[in-house]
Amino acid sequence: MDTGNGASSLIILALPLMLLGWMFWSANRRTKQMRQFNSSLNVGDQVVTSSGIFGTIRHLDDISAHLEVAEGLIIRFDRRAVAMKQADVTAPPPNRTPSDDAPQSGQ
């Protein structure tokens, strides 16, 4: 009568172990991807930091990245803070006139 009891106990034990294994595997994969990304950075690359600051890499060393965020303004960041490279082509904002933002009369 207790034939299903052993199988359900095995499933209850196996599911948390599988979840832990998946968590370690995905963390290792993310770490490997970040390591590869960091090694692919070069001086002159346009990047975005994890805090959303856009800039161009002017100097790299093992620990930090010096980003030019405005003409002549260079900020030093931890190299791990560089989150991604900017897209090569960004669409220009649409041409807007000041009258587009003005409220319509009579509303």
N, C-alpha and C. Protein backbone atom coordinates (compact mmCIF):
# COMPACT_ATOMS: atom_id res chain seq x y z
N MET A 1 0.81 -1.19 0.00
CA MET A 1 0.00 0.00 0.00
C MET A 1 0.85 1.26 0.00
N ASP A 2 2.11 1.20 0.45
CA ASP A 2 2.96 2.36 0.54
C ASP A 2 3.94 2.45 -0.63
N THR A 3 3.57 1.96 -1.80
CA THR A 3 4.50 1.96 -2.94
C THR A 3 4.76 3.38 -3.46
N GLY A 4 3.81 4.28 -3.41
CA GLY A 4 3.99 5.65 -3.88
C GLY A 4 4.74 6.51 -2.89
N ASN A 5 4.85 6.13 -1.67
CA ASN A 5 5.48 6.92 -0.62
C ASN A 5 6.98 7.09 -0.86
N GLY A 6 7.65 6.04 -1.28
CA GLY A 6 9.09 6.12 -1.55
C GLY A 6 9.41 7.02 -2.74
N ALA A 7 8.61 6.94 -3.79
CA ALA A 7 8.84 7.77 -4.98
C ALA A 7 8.60 9.25 -4.66
N SER A 8 7.59 9.56 -3.89
CA SER A 8 7.32 10.96 -3.56
C SER A 8 8.41 11.52 -2.65
N SER A 9 8.96 10.70 -1.76
CA SER A 9 10.06 11.14 -0.90
C SER A 9 11.29 11.43 -1.74
N LEU A 10 11.55 10.60 -2.75
CA LEU A 10 12.69 10.81 -3.63
C LEU A 10 12.54 12.11 -4.42
N ILE A 11 11.33 12.39 -4.90
CA ILE A 11 11.08 13.63 -5.65
C ILE A 11 11.25 14.84 -4.74
N ILE A 12 10.75 14.75 -3.52
CA ILE A 12 10.88 15.87 -2.58
C ILE A 12 12.34 16.14 -2.26
N LEU A 13 13.16 15.14 -2.20
CA LEU A 13 14.59 15.31 -1.95
C LEU A 13 15.33 15.78 -3.21
N ALA A 14 14.93 15.30 -4.37
CA ALA A 14 15.65 15.60 -5.61
C ALA A 14 15.39 17.02 -6.12
N LEU A 15 14.19 17.54 -5.95
CA LEU A 15 13.88 18.86 -6.48
C LEU A 15 14.75 19.97 -5.89
N PRO A 16 14.91 20.05 -4.58
CA PRO A 16 15.81 21.10 -4.05
C PRO A 16 17.25 20.93 -4.51
N LEU A 17 17.72 19.70 -4.63
CA LEU A 17 19.08 19.47 -5.11
C LEU A 17 19.24 19.92 -6.56
N MET A 18 18.24 19.66 -7.37
CA MET A 18 18.27 20.11 -8.77
C MET A 18 18.24 21.64 -8.84
N LEU A 19 17.45 22.27 -7.99
CA LEU A 19 17.38 23.72 -7.96
C LEU A 19 18.73 24.33 -7.57
N LEU A 20 19.36 23.78 -6.57
CA LEU A 20 20.69 24.25 -6.16
C LEU A 20 21.72 24.08 -7.28
N GLY A 21 21.69 22.94 -7.93
CA GLY A 21 22.59 22.70 -9.05
C GLY A 21 22.39 23.71 -10.16
N TRP A 22 21.13 24.00 -10.50
CA TRP A 22 20.83 24.97 -11.55
C TRP A 22 21.30 26.37 -11.15
N MET A 23 21.12 26.74 -9.88
CA MET A 23 21.56 28.05 -9.41
C MET A 23 23.07 28.20 -9.53
N PHE A 24 23.84 27.19 -9.12
CA PHE A 24 25.29 27.25 -9.24
C PHE A 24 25.72 27.29 -10.70
N TRP A 25 25.09 26.52 -11.54
CA TRP A 25 25.43 26.49 -12.96
C TRP A 25 25.18 27.85 -13.61
N SER A 26 24.02 28.47 -13.33
CA SER A 26 23.71 29.76 -13.96
C SER A 26 24.61 30.86 -13.42
N ALA A 27 24.98 30.82 -12.14
CA ALA A 27 25.90 31.82 -11.58
C ALA A 27 27.28 31.70 -12.23
N ASN A 28 27.74 30.48 -12.43
CA ASN A 28 29.04 30.28 -13.08
C ASN A 28 29.01 30.75 -14.53
N ARG A 29 27.91 30.53 -15.20
CA ARG A 29 27.76 30.96 -16.60
C ARG A 29 27.79 32.48 -16.68
N ARG A 30 27.06 33.16 -15.78
CA ARG A 30 27.06 34.62 -15.76
C ARG A 30 28.45 35.18 -15.47
N THR A 31 29.16 34.57 -14.52
CA THR A 31 30.51 35.00 -14.19
C THR A 31 31.44 34.86 -15.38
N LYS A 32 31.33 33.76 -16.10
CA LYS A 32 32.15 33.53 -17.29
C LYS A 32 31.84 34.56 -18.37
N GLN A 33 30.57 34.87 -18.58
CA GLN A 33 30.19 35.86 -19.58
C GLN A 33 30.73 37.24 -19.22
N MET A 34 30.66 37.62 -17.95
CA MET A 34 31.18 38.93 -17.53
C MET A 34 32.69 38.98 -17.69
N ARG A 35 33.38 37.89 -17.40
CA ARG A 35 34.83 37.84 -17.56
C ARG A 35 35.20 38.01 -19.04
N GLN A 36 34.46 37.34 -19.93
CA GLN A 36 34.72 37.46 -21.36
C GLN A 36 34.44 38.88 -21.84
N PHE A 37 33.34 39.49 -21.35
CA PHE A 37 33.01 40.85 -21.74
C PHE A 37 34.10 41.82 -21.29
N ASN A 38 34.55 41.70 -20.05
CA ASN A 38 35.58 42.58 -19.54
C ASN A 38 36.88 42.46 -20.33
N SER A 39 37.21 41.26 -20.74
CA SER A 39 38.44 41.08 -21.52
C SER A 39 38.30 41.60 -22.94
N SER A 40 37.08 41.78 -23.42
CA SER A 40 36.87 42.28 -24.79
C SER A 40 36.85 43.80 -24.87
N LEU A 41 36.89 44.49 -23.74
CA LEU A 41 36.87 45.95 -23.75
C LEU A 41 38.18 46.50 -24.28
N ASN A 42 38.08 47.57 -25.07
CA ASN A 42 39.26 48.21 -25.64
C ASN A 42 39.14 49.73 -25.49
N VAL A 43 40.27 50.40 -25.52
CA VAL A 43 40.27 51.86 -25.51
C VAL A 43 39.56 52.35 -26.76
N GLY A 44 38.66 53.31 -26.59
CA GLY A 44 37.89 53.85 -27.71
C GLY A 44 36.48 53.28 -27.80
N ASP A 45 36.19 52.20 -27.08
CA ASP A 45 34.84 51.63 -27.09
C ASP A 45 33.87 52.58 -26.39
N GLN A 46 32.68 52.71 -26.96
CA GLN A 46 31.63 53.48 -26.32
C GLN A 46 30.81 52.52 -25.48
N VAL A 47 30.68 52.82 -24.18
CA VAL A 47 30.08 51.90 -23.24
C VAL A 47 29.05 52.61 -22.37
N VAL A 48 28.29 51.78 -21.62
CA VAL A 48 27.34 52.26 -20.63
C VAL A 48 27.68 51.57 -19.32
N THR A 49 27.72 52.33 -18.23
CA THR A 49 28.00 51.74 -16.93
C THR A 49 26.73 51.16 -16.33
N SER A 50 26.87 50.41 -15.26
CA SER A 50 25.72 49.82 -14.60
C SER A 50 24.81 50.88 -13.99
N SER A 51 25.33 52.09 -13.77
CA SER A 51 24.50 53.18 -13.24
C SER A 51 23.89 54.03 -14.35
N GLY A 52 24.15 53.66 -15.61
CA GLY A 52 23.51 54.34 -16.74
C GLY A 52 24.30 55.50 -17.32
N ILE A 53 25.57 55.62 -17.00
CA ILE A 53 26.39 56.70 -17.53
C ILE A 53 27.03 56.25 -18.85
N PHE A 54 26.86 57.07 -19.88
CA PHE A 54 27.42 56.80 -21.20
C PHE A 54 28.80 57.44 -21.30
N GLY A 55 29.74 56.74 -21.91
CA GLY A 55 31.07 57.31 -22.07
C GLY A 55 31.91 56.51 -23.04
N THR A 56 33.09 57.03 -23.30
CA THR A 56 34.07 56.40 -24.17
C THR A 56 35.28 56.04 -23.34
N ILE A 57 35.74 54.80 -23.48
CA ILE A 57 36.90 54.35 -22.71
C ILE A 57 38.14 55.07 -23.21
N ARG A 58 38.86 55.73 -22.30
CA ARG A 58 40.10 56.42 -22.65
C ARG A 58 41.33 55.71 -22.10
N HIS A 59 41.18 54.94 -21.01
CA HIS A 59 42.29 54.21 -20.42
C HIS A 59 41.73 53.00 -19.68
N LEU A 60 42.42 51.87 -19.79
CA LEU A 60 42.02 50.64 -19.09
C LEU A 60 43.22 50.08 -18.34
N ASP A 61 42.95 49.57 -17.14
CA ASP A 61 43.94 48.75 -16.44
C ASP A 61 43.19 47.58 -15.82
N ASP A 62 43.86 46.79 -15.01
CA ASP A 62 43.23 45.60 -14.45
C ASP A 62 42.06 45.91 -13.53
N ILE A 63 42.08 47.06 -12.89
CA ILE A 63 41.07 47.38 -11.87
C ILE A 63 40.07 48.43 -12.33
N SER A 64 40.51 49.41 -13.10
CA SER A 64 39.63 50.53 -13.40
C SER A 64 39.56 50.82 -14.89
N ALA A 65 38.53 51.59 -15.22
CA ALA A 65 38.33 52.09 -16.58
C ALA A 65 38.11 53.59 -16.48
N HIS A 66 38.82 54.35 -17.29
CA HIS A 66 38.67 55.80 -17.31
C HIS A 66 37.76 56.13 -18.50
N LEU A 67 36.59 56.70 -18.19
CA LEU A 67 35.61 57.00 -19.24
C LEU A 67 35.51 58.50 -19.45
N GLU A 68 35.50 58.90 -20.71
CA GLU A 68 35.25 60.30 -21.04
C GLU A 68 33.75 60.43 -21.24
N VAL A 69 33.09 61.16 -20.34
CA VAL A 69 31.64 61.29 -20.38
C VAL A 69 31.19 62.59 -21.03
N ALA A 70 32.08 63.55 -21.13
CA ALA A 70 31.86 64.80 -21.85
C ALA A 70 33.22 65.23 -22.36
N GLU A 71 33.23 66.18 -23.27
CA GLU A 71 34.50 66.60 -23.84
C GLU A 71 35.43 67.11 -22.74
N GLY A 72 36.54 66.41 -22.54
CA GLY A 72 37.52 66.79 -21.54
C GLY A 72 37.22 66.33 -20.12
N LEU A 73 36.08 65.68 -19.88
CA LEU A 73 35.71 65.21 -18.54
C LEU A 73 35.87 63.70 -18.47
N ILE A 74 36.89 63.25 -17.74
CA ILE A 74 37.17 61.82 -17.63
C ILE A 74 36.92 61.39 -16.20
N ILE A 75 36.15 60.32 -16.05
CA ILE A 75 35.79 59.77 -14.73
C ILE A 75 36.35 58.36 -14.64
N ARG A 76 36.90 58.04 -13.47
CA ARG A 76 37.46 56.70 -13.24
C ARG A 76 36.39 55.82 -12.60
N PHE A 77 36.14 54.65 -13.19
CA PHE A 77 35.17 53.68 -12.71
C PHE A 77 35.86 52.36 -12.41
N ASP A 78 35.28 51.60 -11.50
CA ASP A 78 35.68 50.21 -11.33
C ASP A 78 35.36 49.51 -12.64
N ARG A 79 36.28 48.71 -13.12
CA ARG A 79 36.09 48.06 -14.42
C ARG A 79 34.83 47.19 -14.45
N ARG A 80 34.45 46.62 -13.31
CA ARG A 80 33.25 45.78 -13.25
C ARG A 80 31.97 46.58 -13.41
N ALA A 81 32.04 47.91 -13.28
CA ALA A 81 30.85 48.76 -13.42
C ALA A 81 30.47 48.98 -14.87
N VAL A 82 31.35 48.66 -15.81
CA VAL A 82 31.01 48.79 -17.23
C VAL A 82 30.08 47.64 -17.57
N ALA A 83 28.83 47.99 -17.91
CA ALA A 83 27.80 46.97 -18.10
C ALA A 83 27.68 46.48 -19.53
N MET A 84 27.78 47.40 -20.51
CA MET A 84 27.60 46.97 -21.90
C MET A 84 28.19 48.00 -22.84
N LYS A 85 28.38 47.56 -24.08
CA LYS A 85 28.83 48.48 -25.12
C LYS A 85 27.61 49.15 -25.73
N GLN A 86 27.79 50.41 -26.13
CA GLN A 86 26.71 51.14 -26.76
C GLN A 86 26.44 50.57 -28.15
N ALA A 87 25.21 50.72 -28.60
CA ALA A 87 24.87 50.30 -29.96
C ALA A 87 25.63 51.20 -30.93
N ASP A 88 26.04 50.63 -32.04
CA ASP A 88 26.83 51.39 -33.01
C ASP A 88 26.05 52.55 -33.61
N VAL A 89 24.78 52.31 -33.89
CA VAL A 89 23.96 53.36 -34.51
C VAL A 89 22.75 53.60 -33.62
N THR A 90 22.58 54.84 -33.22
CA THR A 90 21.38 55.19 -32.46
C THR A 90 20.53 56.11 -33.31
N ALA A 91 19.25 55.92 -33.24
CA ALA A 91 18.33 56.72 -34.04
C ALA A 91 18.28 58.13 -33.47
N PRO A 92 18.34 59.16 -34.33
CA PRO A 92 18.23 60.53 -33.83
C PRO A 92 16.82 60.79 -33.31
N PRO A 93 16.67 61.67 -32.33
CA PRO A 93 15.33 61.95 -31.83
C PRO A 93 14.51 62.63 -32.92
N PRO A 94 13.20 62.43 -32.90
CA PRO A 94 12.37 63.05 -33.93
C PRO A 94 12.38 64.57 -33.77
N ASN A 95 12.26 65.27 -34.91
CA ASN A 95 12.22 66.74 -34.87
C ASN A 95 10.89 67.16 -34.27
N ARG A 96 10.98 67.97 -33.22
CA ARG A 96 9.77 68.46 -32.54
C ARG A 96 9.82 69.97 -32.52
N THR A 97 8.68 70.56 -32.60
CA THR A 97 8.59 72.01 -32.48
C THR A 97 8.02 72.34 -31.11
N PRO A 98 8.30 73.52 -30.59
CA PRO A 98 7.76 73.88 -29.28
C PRO A 98 6.24 73.84 -29.23
N SER A 99 5.58 74.04 -30.36
CA SER A 99 4.12 74.03 -30.37
C SER A 99 3.56 72.62 -30.14
N ASP A 100 4.39 71.55 -30.37
CA ASP A 100 3.93 70.19 -30.11
C ASP A 100 3.69 69.95 -28.63
N ASP A 101 4.46 70.60 -27.77
CA ASP A 101 4.34 70.40 -26.34
C ASP A 101 3.37 71.38 -25.68
N ALA A 102 2.99 72.42 -26.39
CA ALA A 102 2.12 73.43 -25.80
C ALA A 102 0.69 72.89 -25.72
N PRO A 103 -0.02 73.21 -24.62
CA PRO A 103 -1.41 72.76 -24.51
C PRO A 103 -2.29 73.46 -25.53
N GLN A 104 -3.26 72.75 -26.03
CA GLN A 104 -4.18 73.31 -27.01
C GLN A 104 -5.17 74.24 -26.30
N SER A 105 -5.48 75.34 -26.95
CA SER A 105 -6.45 76.27 -26.34
C SER A 105 -7.85 75.69 -26.45
N GLY A 106 -8.65 75.95 -25.44
CA GLY A 106 -10.02 75.47 -25.44
C GLY A 106 -10.17 74.09 -24.85
N GLN A 107 -9.13 73.56 -24.23
CA GLN A 107 -9.22 72.21 -23.63
C GLN A 107 -9.17 72.29 -22.15
